[in-house]
Each structure stands twice: as C-alpha cells, then as structure tokens.
Amino acid sequence: MTINEHLTKELIRERTQPRVRTQRPPHPRAVRALRRLADRIEGDH
C-alpha cells in the first residue's frame, strides 16, 4: 500500500466517524463516495 492510499484511508475513516457537535456532519453523498473510494483502495490489495 502506498503512503497516499494509507493517508486516504485514514482521512476516510476520520470523515466517516460521528462528528463532535461543533462540526457540520459530512454530506451523506460525500460519505458514500468516500466509502466507495475506501472500498476500491482496499480491493486493490
């Protein structure tokens, strides 16, 4: 796994966690897109 893929997965994991109250929740469509991207990265290896 490249460092880029690792960072992307970390970002996705972070973005899809429940947010603290002060932050806007991620857009549902954005979450879906990020999860799809994460699955594609996982599937490549």
Protein backbone atom coordinates (compact mmCIF):
# COMPACT_ATOMS: atom_id res chain seq x y z
CA MET A 1 0.00 0.00 0.00
CA THR A 2 1.39 3.41 -0.91
CA ILE A 3 1.55 6.25 1.61
CA ASN A 4 -1.11 8.04 -0.45
CA GLU A 5 -3.54 5.17 -0.12
CA HIS A 6 -2.80 4.90 3.58
CA LEU A 7 -3.48 8.62 4.09
CA THR A 8 -6.67 8.40 2.05
CA LYS A 9 -7.95 5.54 4.20
CA GLU A 10 -7.11 7.46 7.38
CA LEU A 11 -8.95 10.50 6.04
CA ILE A 12 -11.99 8.44 5.09
CA ARG A 13 -12.03 6.73 8.47
CA GLU A 14 -11.87 10.12 10.14
CA ARG A 15 -14.53 11.69 7.90
CA THR A 16 -16.98 8.84 8.42
CA GLN A 17 -16.72 8.83 12.24
CA PRO A 18 -19.55 10.53 14.14
CA ARG A 19 -18.56 14.19 14.44
CA VAL A 20 -18.32 16.29 17.58
CA ARG A 21 -21.23 18.69 17.93
CA THR A 22 -19.38 21.81 16.77
CA GLN A 23 -18.67 20.40 13.32
CA ARG A 24 -21.07 20.08 10.45
CA PRO A 25 -21.85 16.42 9.73
CA PRO A 26 -20.44 15.24 6.38
CA HIS A 27 -22.87 15.20 3.49
CA PRO A 28 -24.40 11.71 3.14
CA ARG A 29 -23.48 11.55 -0.54
CA ALA A 30 -19.91 12.57 0.30
CA VAL A 31 -19.73 9.83 2.93
CA ARG A 32 -20.95 7.28 0.39
CA ALA A 33 -18.41 8.43 -2.18
CA LEU A 34 -15.59 8.31 0.37
CA ARG A 35 -16.60 4.82 1.49
CA ARG A 36 -16.70 3.66 -2.15
CA LEU A 37 -13.22 5.08 -2.62
CA ALA A 38 -12.05 3.30 0.53
CA ASP A 39 -13.51 0.01 -0.71
CA ARG A 40 -11.77 0.44 -4.05
CA ILE A 41 -8.43 1.06 -2.33
CA GLU A 42 -8.96 -1.97 -0.08
CA GLY A 43 -9.97 -4.09 -3.06
CA ASP A 44 -6.80 -3.21 -4.96
CA HIS A 45 -4.63 -5.02 -2.43
